[in-house]
Amino acid sequence: MGRVGGGDGFVAARRLTAAGRRTTAVLVGDPARLAGVAAAHNWGVLQAMASAGSLELYVAPTPELLLQLRARLSPASLIVDALLGSGASGPLREPVSSAVDLLNAIRTHARAAGRPCRVLAVDTPTRIDLTDGTQSDPVVVADLTVTFHRAKAGFALDPEARRLAGRYFVGPIGIPLEAEDGIVPPDGEFPPARITQVTWQEPGGAPS
């Protein structure tokens, strides 16, 4: 599930399809509000792929339209949570709030039925604050979270945020160490050379 203005979910859908996976992409919002050249480009690519029959693509700008997709989304073995960007703040608004409820319900019901279903969050489960770990209501329960450049302070500070994030991975994106100058307090550890899993000190310390 991707958000208006978010490109990560679009790229994930494109890559999964290219890898031969059966993929359903949902834009939770109005495509007219897409922000940024990269997001608009990737949305155009997904539209072309959908027209060619490579993937299923849906637009759900309202909770009612989103809930109509439940039957199509329920068999998923992997759900990518790319609903909000890393700078999101404030209470969840519709249709994102309903998307979070739907995502969690699909995961819970699949597990109760003995079917595999994993949730992978991009940057942070929707919505855990990256700076202090506070959570929205509702909030996504993830099995894995992949963030970029470095581990984020909110997960080091809040045990519940760590639980909701599941296994926590950091991937490099080429940001130089010089960009760390002036960050107080340090927001996790220095960027890794390759994707790595972070384990957290208890209680609530910095990443180990």
N, C-alpha and C. Protein backbone atom coordinates (compact mmCIF):
# COMPACT_ATOMS: atom_id res chain seq x y z
N MET A 1 0.85 -1.18 0.00
CA MET A 1 0.00 0.00 0.00
C MET A 1 0.89 1.24 0.00
N GLY A 2 0.61 2.16 -0.89
CA GLY A 2 1.42 3.36 -0.99
C GLY A 2 0.57 4.59 -0.72
N ARG A 3 1.23 5.68 -0.41
CA ARG A 3 0.54 6.91 -0.07
C ARG A 3 0.62 7.89 -1.23
N VAL A 4 -0.18 8.96 -1.17
CA VAL A 4 -0.04 10.06 -2.09
C VAL A 4 1.30 10.74 -1.80
N GLY A 5 2.12 10.91 -2.83
CA GLY A 5 3.41 11.56 -2.65
C GLY A 5 4.53 10.61 -2.30
N GLY A 6 4.25 9.35 -2.06
CA GLY A 6 5.29 8.42 -1.66
C GLY A 6 5.74 7.57 -2.83
N GLY A 7 7.04 7.51 -3.08
CA GLY A 7 7.54 6.73 -4.18
C GLY A 7 8.05 5.36 -3.80
N ASP A 8 8.36 5.12 -2.53
CA ASP A 8 8.96 3.85 -2.11
C ASP A 8 8.04 2.67 -2.39
N GLY A 9 6.75 2.82 -2.10
CA GLY A 9 5.82 1.74 -2.35
C GLY A 9 5.68 1.43 -3.82
N PHE A 10 5.72 2.48 -4.66
CA PHE A 10 5.64 2.28 -6.10
C PHE A 10 6.85 1.48 -6.60
N VAL A 11 8.03 1.85 -6.12
CA VAL A 11 9.25 1.15 -6.53
C VAL A 11 9.20 -0.30 -6.07
N ALA A 12 8.75 -0.53 -4.83
CA ALA A 12 8.65 -1.91 -4.32
C ALA A 12 7.72 -2.74 -5.19
N ALA A 13 6.58 -2.18 -5.58
CA ALA A 13 5.64 -2.90 -6.44
C ALA A 13 6.28 -3.23 -7.79
N ARG A 14 6.99 -2.27 -8.34
CA ARG A 14 7.65 -2.49 -9.63
C ARG A 14 8.70 -3.58 -9.53
N ARG A 15 9.52 -3.53 -8.49
CA ARG A 15 10.59 -4.51 -8.32
C ARG A 15 10.05 -5.91 -8.05
N LEU A 16 9.02 -6.01 -7.22
CA LEU A 16 8.43 -7.32 -6.94
C LEU A 16 7.85 -7.93 -8.20
N THR A 17 7.20 -7.10 -9.00
CA THR A 17 6.65 -7.60 -10.26
C THR A 17 7.76 -8.08 -11.19
N ALA A 18 8.84 -7.30 -11.27
CA ALA A 18 9.96 -7.68 -12.13
C ALA A 18 10.60 -8.98 -11.67
N ALA A 19 10.51 -9.26 -10.37
CA ALA A 19 11.07 -10.49 -9.83
C ALA A 19 10.14 -11.69 -10.00
N GLY A 20 9.01 -11.47 -10.66
CA GLY A 20 8.09 -12.57 -10.93
C GLY A 20 7.03 -12.78 -9.89
N ARG A 21 6.88 -11.86 -8.95
CA ARG A 21 5.86 -12.00 -7.91
C ARG A 21 4.54 -11.43 -8.38
N ARG A 22 3.45 -12.09 -8.00
CA ARG A 22 2.12 -11.55 -8.28
C ARG A 22 1.89 -10.38 -7.34
N THR A 23 1.65 -9.21 -7.91
CA THR A 23 1.67 -7.98 -7.13
C THR A 23 0.38 -7.19 -7.32
N THR A 24 -0.15 -6.69 -6.20
CA THR A 24 -1.27 -5.76 -6.22
C THR A 24 -0.82 -4.48 -5.54
N ALA A 25 -0.93 -3.36 -6.24
CA ALA A 25 -0.53 -2.06 -5.69
C ALA A 25 -1.78 -1.22 -5.45
N VAL A 26 -1.80 -0.55 -4.30
CA VAL A 26 -2.93 0.30 -3.95
C VAL A 26 -2.41 1.69 -3.61
N LEU A 27 -2.89 2.69 -4.31
CA LEU A 27 -2.60 4.08 -3.96
C LEU A 27 -3.69 4.54 -3.01
N VAL A 28 -3.32 4.78 -1.76
CA VAL A 28 -4.29 5.19 -0.74
C VAL A 28 -4.35 6.71 -0.74
N GLY A 29 -5.19 7.24 -1.60
CA GLY A 29 -5.29 8.69 -1.74
C GLY A 29 -5.65 9.05 -3.17
N ASP A 30 -5.51 10.33 -3.49
CA ASP A 30 -5.88 10.88 -4.79
C ASP A 30 -4.63 11.04 -5.65
N PRO A 31 -4.55 10.38 -6.81
CA PRO A 31 -3.35 10.51 -7.65
C PRO A 31 -3.10 11.94 -8.12
N ALA A 32 -4.12 12.78 -8.11
CA ALA A 32 -3.94 14.18 -8.51
C ALA A 32 -3.06 14.93 -7.51
N ARG A 33 -2.87 14.37 -6.33
CA ARG A 33 -2.07 15.03 -5.30
C ARG A 33 -0.67 14.46 -5.19
N LEU A 34 -0.25 13.67 -6.15
CA LEU A 34 1.11 13.14 -6.12
C LEU A 34 2.10 14.29 -6.10
N ALA A 35 3.10 14.17 -5.22
CA ALA A 35 4.09 15.23 -5.06
C ALA A 35 5.47 14.72 -5.49
N GLY A 36 6.12 15.48 -6.35
CA GLY A 36 7.49 15.13 -6.73
C GLY A 36 7.57 14.43 -8.06
N VAL A 37 8.66 14.70 -8.77
CA VAL A 37 8.87 14.13 -10.10
C VAL A 37 9.03 12.62 -10.02
N ALA A 38 9.81 12.13 -9.03
CA ALA A 38 10.08 10.70 -8.93
C ALA A 38 8.80 9.91 -8.67
N ALA A 39 7.96 10.40 -7.75
CA ALA A 39 6.71 9.70 -7.45
C ALA A 39 5.80 9.67 -8.66
N ALA A 40 5.70 10.81 -9.36
CA ALA A 40 4.85 10.87 -10.55
C ALA A 40 5.37 9.92 -11.63
N HIS A 41 6.69 9.86 -11.79
CA HIS A 41 7.27 8.96 -12.79
C HIS A 41 6.96 7.50 -12.45
N ASN A 42 7.19 7.12 -11.20
CA ASN A 42 6.94 5.73 -10.80
C ASN A 42 5.47 5.37 -10.87
N TRP A 43 4.60 6.33 -10.59
CA TRP A 43 3.17 6.08 -10.73
C TRP A 43 2.83 5.82 -12.20
N GLY A 44 3.42 6.60 -13.10
CA GLY A 44 3.21 6.37 -14.52
C GLY A 44 3.69 5.00 -14.97
N VAL A 45 4.83 4.56 -14.42
CA VAL A 45 5.35 3.24 -14.75
C VAL A 45 4.38 2.16 -14.29
N LEU A 46 3.84 2.30 -13.06
CA LEU A 46 2.89 1.31 -12.56
C LEU A 46 1.62 1.28 -13.41
N GLN A 47 1.16 2.44 -13.86
CA GLN A 47 -0.03 2.48 -14.72
C GLN A 47 0.23 1.72 -16.03
N ALA A 48 1.42 1.92 -16.59
CA ALA A 48 1.76 1.22 -17.82
C ALA A 48 1.84 -0.29 -17.59
N MET A 49 2.42 -0.69 -16.46
CA MET A 49 2.51 -2.11 -16.13
C MET A 49 1.12 -2.71 -15.93
N ALA A 50 0.23 -1.96 -15.29
CA ALA A 50 -1.13 -2.44 -15.07
C ALA A 50 -1.86 -2.59 -16.40
N SER A 51 -1.66 -1.63 -17.30
CA SER A 51 -2.30 -1.70 -18.62
C SER A 51 -1.82 -2.92 -19.40
N ALA A 52 -0.56 -3.31 -19.17
CA ALA A 52 0.00 -4.49 -19.84
C ALA A 52 -0.36 -5.79 -19.14
N GLY A 53 -1.05 -5.69 -18.01
CA GLY A 53 -1.46 -6.89 -17.28
C GLY A 53 -0.39 -7.47 -16.38
N SER A 54 0.68 -6.70 -16.10
CA SER A 54 1.77 -7.21 -15.28
C SER A 54 1.44 -7.22 -13.79
N LEU A 55 0.60 -6.28 -13.37
CA LEU A 55 0.20 -6.20 -11.96
C LEU A 55 -1.20 -5.63 -11.87
N GLU A 56 -1.80 -5.75 -10.67
CA GLU A 56 -3.09 -5.13 -10.41
C GLU A 56 -2.84 -3.80 -9.71
N LEU A 57 -3.54 -2.77 -10.13
CA LEU A 57 -3.34 -1.43 -9.60
C LEU A 57 -4.69 -0.81 -9.26
N TYR A 58 -4.80 -0.30 -8.02
CA TYR A 58 -6.05 0.29 -7.56
C TYR A 58 -5.78 1.65 -6.92
N VAL A 59 -6.79 2.50 -7.01
CA VAL A 59 -6.76 3.81 -6.35
C VAL A 59 -7.89 3.84 -5.33
N ALA A 60 -7.56 4.18 -4.10
CA ALA A 60 -8.55 4.17 -3.02
C ALA A 60 -8.47 5.49 -2.25
N PRO A 61 -9.13 6.55 -2.75
CA PRO A 61 -9.08 7.84 -2.06
C PRO A 61 -10.05 7.97 -0.90
N THR A 62 -10.89 6.94 -0.67
CA THR A 62 -11.85 6.97 0.44
C THR A 62 -11.82 5.64 1.18
N PRO A 63 -12.21 5.65 2.46
CA PRO A 63 -12.26 4.39 3.20
C PRO A 63 -13.19 3.37 2.56
N GLU A 64 -14.30 3.83 1.98
CA GLU A 64 -15.26 2.91 1.38
C GLU A 64 -14.64 2.15 0.21
N LEU A 65 -13.92 2.86 -0.65
CA LEU A 65 -13.26 2.20 -1.79
C LEU A 65 -12.15 1.27 -1.31
N LEU A 66 -11.45 1.68 -0.27
CA LEU A 66 -10.38 0.85 0.26
C LEU A 66 -10.92 -0.47 0.81
N LEU A 67 -11.99 -0.40 1.56
CA LEU A 67 -12.54 -1.61 2.17
C LEU A 67 -13.11 -2.57 1.13
N GLN A 68 -13.50 -2.05 -0.02
CA GLN A 68 -13.97 -2.92 -1.10
C GLN A 68 -12.85 -3.81 -1.64
N LEU A 69 -11.60 -3.45 -1.35
CA LEU A 69 -10.46 -4.22 -1.84
C LEU A 69 -10.04 -5.33 -0.88
N ARG A 70 -10.71 -5.44 0.24
CA ARG A 70 -10.25 -6.39 1.26
C ARG A 70 -10.16 -7.81 0.72
N ALA A 71 -11.14 -8.25 -0.04
CA ALA A 71 -11.13 -9.62 -0.55
C ALA A 71 -9.94 -9.85 -1.48
N ARG A 72 -9.54 -8.83 -2.24
CA ARG A 72 -8.42 -8.98 -3.15
C ARG A 72 -7.08 -8.97 -2.41
N LEU A 73 -7.02 -8.24 -1.30
CA LEU A 73 -5.77 -8.10 -0.56
C LEU A 73 -5.57 -9.20 0.47
N SER A 74 -6.64 -9.83 0.93
CA SER A 74 -6.54 -10.79 2.03
C SER A 74 -5.62 -11.97 1.75
N PRO A 75 -5.50 -12.48 0.50
CA PRO A 75 -4.60 -13.63 0.29
C PRO A 75 -3.11 -13.28 0.30
N ALA A 76 -2.76 -12.02 0.49
CA ALA A 76 -1.36 -11.60 0.37
C ALA A 76 -0.46 -12.32 1.38
N SER A 77 0.73 -12.71 0.93
CA SER A 77 1.73 -13.28 1.83
C SER A 77 2.72 -12.21 2.30
N LEU A 78 2.76 -11.08 1.59
CA LEU A 78 3.61 -9.94 1.98
C LEU A 78 2.85 -8.66 1.71
N ILE A 79 2.79 -7.79 2.72
CA ILE A 79 2.20 -6.47 2.58
C ILE A 79 3.29 -5.44 2.86
N VAL A 80 3.49 -4.52 1.93
CA VAL A 80 4.48 -3.45 2.11
C VAL A 80 3.75 -2.21 2.60
N ASP A 81 4.10 -1.75 3.79
CA ASP A 81 3.53 -0.53 4.37
C ASP A 81 4.40 0.65 3.97
N ALA A 82 3.92 1.39 2.95
CA ALA A 82 4.60 2.62 2.52
C ALA A 82 3.58 3.76 2.52
N LEU A 83 2.73 3.78 3.54
CA LEU A 83 1.60 4.70 3.56
C LEU A 83 2.02 6.14 3.80
N LEU A 84 2.97 6.37 4.69
CA LEU A 84 3.37 7.72 5.04
C LEU A 84 4.88 7.85 4.98
N GLY A 85 5.35 9.04 4.70
CA GLY A 85 6.78 9.30 4.67
C GLY A 85 7.35 9.48 6.06
N SER A 86 8.66 9.58 6.12
CA SER A 86 9.35 9.66 7.42
C SER A 86 9.06 10.96 8.15
N GLY A 87 8.61 12.00 7.46
CA GLY A 87 8.36 13.28 8.11
C GLY A 87 6.92 13.50 8.52
N ALA A 88 6.08 12.46 8.42
CA ALA A 88 4.66 12.62 8.75
C ALA A 88 4.48 12.93 10.23
N SER A 89 3.47 13.73 10.53
CA SER A 89 3.19 14.09 11.93
C SER A 89 1.70 14.29 12.11
N GLY A 90 1.27 14.33 13.37
CA GLY A 90 -0.12 14.57 13.69
C GLY A 90 -0.96 13.30 13.60
N PRO A 91 -2.24 13.41 13.97
CA PRO A 91 -3.13 12.25 13.95
C PRO A 91 -3.31 11.72 12.53
N LEU A 92 -3.56 10.43 12.42
CA LEU A 92 -3.83 9.85 11.11
C LEU A 92 -5.16 10.35 10.59
N ARG A 93 -5.18 10.63 9.29
CA ARG A 93 -6.41 11.04 8.63
C ARG A 93 -6.87 9.94 7.67
N GLU A 94 -8.13 10.03 7.27
CA GLU A 94 -8.64 9.09 6.28
C GLU A 94 -8.14 9.47 4.89
N PRO A 95 -7.91 8.49 4.03
CA PRO A 95 -8.18 7.05 4.20
C PRO A 95 -7.03 6.26 4.83
N VAL A 96 -5.96 6.96 5.26
CA VAL A 96 -4.81 6.24 5.80
C VAL A 96 -5.16 5.49 7.07
N SER A 97 -5.98 6.09 7.93
CA SER A 97 -6.36 5.41 9.17
C SER A 97 -7.06 4.09 8.88
N SER A 98 -7.98 4.09 7.92
CA SER A 98 -8.65 2.85 7.55
C SER A 98 -7.69 1.86 6.91
N ALA A 99 -6.71 2.36 6.18
CA ALA A 99 -5.71 1.48 5.56
C ALA A 99 -4.89 0.75 6.62
N VAL A 100 -4.55 1.45 7.70
CA VAL A 100 -3.81 0.82 8.80
C VAL A 100 -4.66 -0.27 9.43
N ASP A 101 -5.92 0.03 9.71
CA ASP A 101 -6.81 -0.99 10.30
C ASP A 101 -6.93 -2.20 9.38
N LEU A 102 -7.08 -1.96 8.08
CA LEU A 102 -7.23 -3.05 7.13
C LEU A 102 -5.97 -3.90 7.06
N LEU A 103 -4.82 -3.26 7.00
CA LEU A 103 -3.55 -3.97 6.94
C LEU A 103 -3.39 -4.88 8.17
N ASN A 104 -3.63 -4.32 9.36
CA ASN A 104 -3.50 -5.12 10.58
C ASN A 104 -4.49 -6.28 10.61
N ALA A 105 -5.71 -6.03 10.14
CA ALA A 105 -6.73 -7.08 10.15
C ALA A 105 -6.36 -8.22 9.21
N ILE A 106 -5.84 -7.89 8.03
CA ILE A 106 -5.43 -8.93 7.09
C ILE A 106 -4.33 -9.79 7.70
N ARG A 107 -3.35 -9.16 8.33
CA ARG A 107 -2.24 -9.89 8.95
C ARG A 107 -2.77 -10.80 10.07
N THR A 108 -3.63 -10.26 10.93
CA THR A 108 -4.15 -11.02 12.07
C THR A 108 -4.99 -12.21 11.61
N HIS A 109 -5.87 -12.01 10.65
CA HIS A 109 -6.75 -13.07 10.19
C HIS A 109 -5.98 -14.14 9.43
N ALA A 110 -4.95 -13.75 8.68
CA ALA A 110 -4.14 -14.74 7.98
C ALA A 110 -3.44 -15.65 8.97
N ARG A 111 -2.91 -15.07 10.02
CA ARG A 111 -2.21 -15.88 11.02
C ARG A 111 -3.16 -16.78 11.77
N ALA A 112 -4.36 -16.30 12.05
CA ALA A 112 -5.34 -17.13 12.74
C ALA A 112 -5.75 -18.32 11.87
N ALA A 113 -5.70 -18.14 10.55
CA ALA A 113 -6.05 -19.21 9.62
C ALA A 113 -4.85 -20.10 9.27
N GLY A 114 -3.69 -19.78 9.84
CA GLY A 114 -2.49 -20.57 9.58
C GLY A 114 -1.82 -20.26 8.25
N ARG A 115 -2.14 -19.10 7.66
CA ARG A 115 -1.52 -18.71 6.39
C ARG A 115 -0.39 -17.73 6.64
N PRO A 116 0.70 -17.83 5.88
CA PRO A 116 1.79 -16.88 6.06
C PRO A 116 1.41 -15.50 5.55
N CYS A 117 1.65 -14.48 6.34
CA CYS A 117 1.43 -13.10 5.92
C CYS A 117 2.37 -12.22 6.73
N ARG A 118 3.29 -11.56 6.05
CA ARG A 118 4.26 -10.69 6.71
C ARG A 118 4.03 -9.26 6.27
N VAL A 119 4.30 -8.32 7.18
CA VAL A 119 4.21 -6.89 6.89
C VAL A 119 5.61 -6.30 6.95
N LEU A 120 6.01 -5.68 5.86
CA LEU A 120 7.29 -5.00 5.78
C LEU A 120 7.03 -3.50 5.72
N ALA A 121 7.55 -2.76 6.69
CA ALA A 121 7.36 -1.31 6.75
C ALA A 121 8.57 -0.60 6.16
N VAL A 122 8.31 0.45 5.41
CA VAL A 122 9.37 1.27 4.83
C VAL A 122 9.60 2.47 5.74
N ASP A 123 10.82 2.63 6.22
CA ASP A 123 11.25 3.69 7.14
C ASP A 123 10.72 3.48 8.55
N THR A 124 9.39 3.37 8.68
CA THR A 124 8.78 3.18 9.99
C THR A 124 7.37 2.64 9.79
N PRO A 125 6.90 1.77 10.69
CA PRO A 125 5.49 1.40 10.59
C PRO A 125 4.61 2.64 10.72
N THR A 126 3.52 2.67 9.96
CA THR A 126 2.60 3.81 10.01
C THR A 126 1.79 3.75 11.31
N ARG A 127 1.81 4.79 12.19
CA ARG A 127 2.78 5.84 12.17
C ARG A 127 3.52 5.87 13.49
N ILE A 128 4.81 5.51 13.48
CA ILE A 128 5.68 5.65 14.64
C ILE A 128 6.62 6.81 14.37
N ASP A 129 6.71 7.74 15.31
CA ASP A 129 7.56 8.91 15.14
C ASP A 129 9.03 8.50 15.22
N LEU A 130 9.81 8.90 14.23
CA LEU A 130 11.21 8.48 14.17
C LEU A 130 12.08 9.14 15.22
N THR A 131 11.64 10.26 15.79
CA THR A 131 12.48 10.96 16.75
C THR A 131 12.27 10.53 18.19
N ASP A 132 11.02 10.18 18.55
CA ASP A 132 10.78 9.82 19.96
C ASP A 132 10.04 8.49 20.14
N GLY A 133 9.61 7.86 19.04
CA GLY A 133 8.97 6.56 19.13
C GLY A 133 7.50 6.57 19.46
N THR A 134 6.88 7.75 19.59
CA THR A 134 5.45 7.78 19.88
C THR A 134 4.66 7.20 18.72
N GLN A 135 3.47 6.66 19.04
CA GLN A 135 2.69 5.94 18.04
C GLN A 135 1.31 6.57 17.84
N SER A 136 0.83 6.47 16.60
CA SER A 136 -0.53 6.90 16.29
C SER A 136 -1.51 5.82 16.76
N ASP A 137 -2.78 6.13 16.66
CA ASP A 137 -3.84 5.17 16.95
C ASP A 137 -4.84 5.26 15.80
N PRO A 138 -4.87 4.24 14.95
CA PRO A 138 -4.17 2.95 15.01
C PRO A 138 -2.73 3.06 14.53
N VAL A 139 -1.99 1.96 14.70
CA VAL A 139 -0.60 1.92 14.26
C VAL A 139 -0.35 0.55 13.63
N VAL A 140 0.48 0.52 12.58
CA VAL A 140 0.79 -0.73 11.89
C VAL A 140 1.68 -1.61 12.77
N VAL A 141 1.37 -2.90 12.82
CA VAL A 141 2.22 -3.90 13.46
C VAL A 141 3.02 -4.58 12.35
N ALA A 142 4.33 -4.36 12.34
CA ALA A 142 5.18 -4.87 11.25
C ALA A 142 5.98 -6.09 11.72
N ASP A 143 6.35 -6.92 10.75
CA ASP A 143 7.26 -8.02 11.02
C ASP A 143 8.70 -7.62 10.74
N LEU A 144 8.88 -6.73 9.77
CA LEU A 144 10.20 -6.21 9.43
C LEU A 144 10.05 -4.73 9.10
N THR A 145 11.05 -3.96 9.48
CA THR A 145 11.11 -2.55 9.10
C THR A 145 12.46 -2.31 8.44
N VAL A 146 12.44 -1.66 7.28
CA VAL A 146 13.68 -1.30 6.59
C VAL A 146 13.76 0.21 6.54
N THR A 147 14.81 0.76 7.15
CA THR A 147 15.06 2.19 7.09
C THR A 147 16.35 2.43 6.32
N PHE A 148 16.72 3.68 6.13
CA PHE A 148 17.83 4.00 5.26
C PHE A 148 18.83 4.91 5.96
N HIS A 149 20.08 4.69 5.62
CA HIS A 149 21.21 5.50 6.10
C HIS A 149 21.63 5.14 7.52
N ARG A 150 20.72 5.19 8.47
CA ARG A 150 21.08 4.89 9.86
C ARG A 150 19.84 4.54 10.66
N ALA A 151 20.07 3.85 11.78
CA ALA A 151 18.96 3.55 12.70
C ALA A 151 18.40 4.86 13.26
N LYS A 152 17.11 4.87 13.56
CA LYS A 152 16.46 6.09 14.00
C LYS A 152 16.23 6.08 15.51
N ALA A 153 16.37 7.27 16.10
CA ALA A 153 16.38 7.40 17.55
C ALA A 153 15.10 6.92 18.21
N GLY A 154 13.95 7.11 17.54
CA GLY A 154 12.69 6.75 18.16
C GLY A 154 12.62 5.30 18.58
N PHE A 155 13.26 4.41 17.81
CA PHE A 155 13.22 2.99 18.13
C PHE A 155 14.20 2.65 19.25
N ALA A 156 15.27 3.42 19.37
CA ALA A 156 16.18 3.22 20.49
C ALA A 156 15.55 3.67 21.80
N LEU A 157 14.66 4.67 21.72
CA LEU A 157 14.09 5.26 22.93
C LEU A 157 12.85 4.56 23.44
N ASP A 158 12.10 3.91 22.56
CA ASP A 158 10.78 3.41 22.95
C ASP A 158 10.67 1.91 22.72
N PRO A 159 10.55 1.11 23.78
CA PRO A 159 10.43 -0.35 23.62
C PRO A 159 9.22 -0.78 22.79
N GLU A 160 8.09 -0.06 22.93
CA GLU A 160 6.91 -0.43 22.17
C GLU A 160 7.12 -0.17 20.68
N ALA A 161 7.82 0.90 20.35
CA ALA A 161 8.15 1.17 18.95
C ALA A 161 8.99 0.03 18.37
N ARG A 162 9.94 -0.47 19.15
CA ARG A 162 10.77 -1.58 18.69
C ARG A 162 9.93 -2.83 18.47
N ARG A 163 8.98 -3.09 19.36
CA ARG A 163 8.13 -4.26 19.20
C ARG A 163 7.30 -4.16 17.93
N LEU A 164 6.74 -3.01 17.69
CA LEU A 164 5.88 -2.81 16.53
C LEU A 164 6.67 -2.87 15.22
N ALA A 165 7.96 -2.54 15.27
CA ALA A 165 8.78 -2.53 14.06
C ALA A 165 9.23 -3.93 13.66
N GLY A 166 9.21 -4.89 14.59
CA GLY A 166 9.71 -6.23 14.29
C GLY A 166 11.21 -6.22 14.07
N ARG A 167 11.70 -7.06 13.17
CA ARG A 167 13.13 -7.05 12.85
C ARG A 167 13.46 -5.74 12.13
N TYR A 168 14.58 -5.13 12.51
CA TYR A 168 14.88 -3.76 12.08
C TYR A 168 16.16 -3.75 11.26
N PHE A 169 16.05 -3.31 10.00
CA PHE A 169 17.19 -3.32 9.09
C PHE A 169 17.51 -1.90 8.62
N VAL A 170 18.81 -1.64 8.45
CA VAL A 170 19.27 -0.35 7.94
C VAL A 170 20.01 -0.59 6.63
N GLY A 171 19.62 0.16 5.60
CA GLY A 171 20.27 0.04 4.30
C GLY A 171 20.96 1.32 3.92
N PRO A 172 22.16 1.23 3.32
CA PRO A 172 22.88 2.43 2.90
C PRO A 172 22.28 3.01 1.61
N ILE A 173 22.31 4.33 1.50
CA ILE A 173 21.84 4.98 0.27
C ILE A 173 22.84 6.03 -0.21
N GLY A 174 24.10 5.92 0.25
CA GLY A 174 25.14 6.77 -0.28
C GLY A 174 25.31 8.12 0.38
N ILE A 175 24.66 8.36 1.52
CA ILE A 175 24.84 9.64 2.22
C ILE A 175 26.20 9.65 2.89
N PRO A 176 27.04 10.66 2.67
CA PRO A 176 28.39 10.67 3.25
C PRO A 176 28.37 10.95 4.74
N LEU A 177 29.45 10.53 5.43
CA LEU A 177 29.54 10.76 6.86
C LEU A 177 29.54 12.25 7.20
N GLU A 178 29.99 13.09 6.27
CA GLU A 178 30.01 14.53 6.53
C GLU A 178 28.62 15.08 6.82
N ALA A 179 27.61 14.38 6.33
CA ALA A 179 26.24 14.83 6.55
C ALA A 179 25.83 14.66 8.01
N GLU A 180 26.63 13.91 8.79
CA GLU A 180 26.31 13.70 10.20
C GLU A 180 26.71 14.90 11.07
N ASP A 181 27.49 15.81 10.56
CA ASP A 181 27.96 16.95 11.36
C ASP A 181 26.77 17.74 11.90
N GLY A 182 26.80 18.00 13.19
CA GLY A 182 25.78 18.82 13.82
C GLY A 182 24.55 18.08 14.28
N ILE A 183 24.49 16.75 14.08
CA ILE A 183 23.34 16.00 14.58
C ILE A 183 23.52 15.75 16.07
N VAL A 184 22.65 16.34 16.87
CA VAL A 184 22.71 16.21 18.32
C VAL A 184 21.30 15.91 18.83
N PRO A 185 21.12 14.78 19.53
CA PRO A 185 22.10 13.72 19.75
C PRO A 185 22.25 12.87 18.49
N PRO A 186 23.31 12.08 18.40
CA PRO A 186 23.47 11.22 17.23
C PRO A 186 22.25 10.31 17.06
N ASP A 187 21.76 10.25 15.84
CA ASP A 187 20.52 9.53 15.56
C ASP A 187 20.81 8.08 15.19
N GLY A 188 21.35 7.32 16.15
CA GLY A 188 21.71 5.95 15.86
C GLY A 188 23.19 5.83 15.57
N GLU A 189 23.58 4.79 14.85
CA GLU A 189 24.98 4.56 14.56
C GLU A 189 25.33 5.09 13.18
N PHE A 190 26.63 5.11 12.87
CA PHE A 190 27.05 5.58 11.56
C PHE A 190 26.49 4.68 10.47
N PRO A 191 26.32 5.21 9.26
CA PRO A 191 25.71 4.42 8.19
C PRO A 191 26.49 3.15 7.91
N PRO A 192 25.79 2.05 7.68
CA PRO A 192 26.47 0.80 7.38
C PRO A 192 26.93 0.76 5.93
N ALA A 193 27.88 -0.11 5.63
CA ALA A 193 28.34 -0.28 4.26
C ALA A 193 27.38 -1.12 3.45
N ARG A 194 26.58 -1.95 4.13
CA ARG A 194 25.58 -2.78 3.45
C ARG A 194 24.42 -2.95 4.41
N ILE A 195 23.33 -3.51 3.90
CA ILE A 195 22.15 -3.64 4.74
C ILE A 195 22.46 -4.53 5.95
N THR A 196 22.11 -4.06 7.11
CA THR A 196 22.41 -4.78 8.35
C THR A 196 21.20 -4.76 9.27
N GLN A 197 21.12 -5.78 10.14
CA GLN A 197 20.05 -5.82 11.13
C GLN A 197 20.55 -5.19 12.41
N VAL A 198 19.70 -4.36 13.00
CA VAL A 198 20.01 -3.68 14.25
C VAL A 198 19.34 -4.42 15.39
N THR A 199 20.10 -4.67 16.46
CA THR A 199 19.51 -5.14 17.70
C THR A 199 19.65 -4.01 18.72
N TRP A 200 18.73 -3.95 19.64
CA TRP A 200 18.66 -2.80 20.54
C TRP A 200 19.06 -3.20 21.96
N GLN A 201 19.81 -2.32 22.62
CA GLN A 201 20.12 -2.52 24.03
C GLN A 201 18.85 -2.34 24.84
N GLU A 202 18.76 -3.03 25.92
CA GLU A 202 17.63 -2.88 26.83
C GLU A 202 18.14 -2.42 28.19
N PRO A 203 17.42 -1.50 28.85
CA PRO A 203 16.19 -0.88 28.37
C PRO A 203 16.50 0.42 27.63
N GLY A 204 15.93 0.57 26.47
CA GLY A 204 15.87 1.84 25.74
C GLY A 204 17.18 2.52 25.47
N GLY A 205 18.26 1.79 25.22
CA GLY A 205 19.51 2.45 24.93
C GLY A 205 19.71 2.65 23.46
N ALA A 206 20.93 3.03 23.09
CA ALA A 206 21.26 3.22 21.69
C ALA A 206 21.45 1.86 21.05
N PRO A 207 21.40 1.81 19.70
CA PRO A 207 21.61 0.53 19.03
C PRO A 207 22.96 -0.05 19.35
N SER A 208 23.02 -1.38 19.43
CA SER A 208 24.28 -2.03 19.70
C SER A 208 24.91 -2.49 18.41
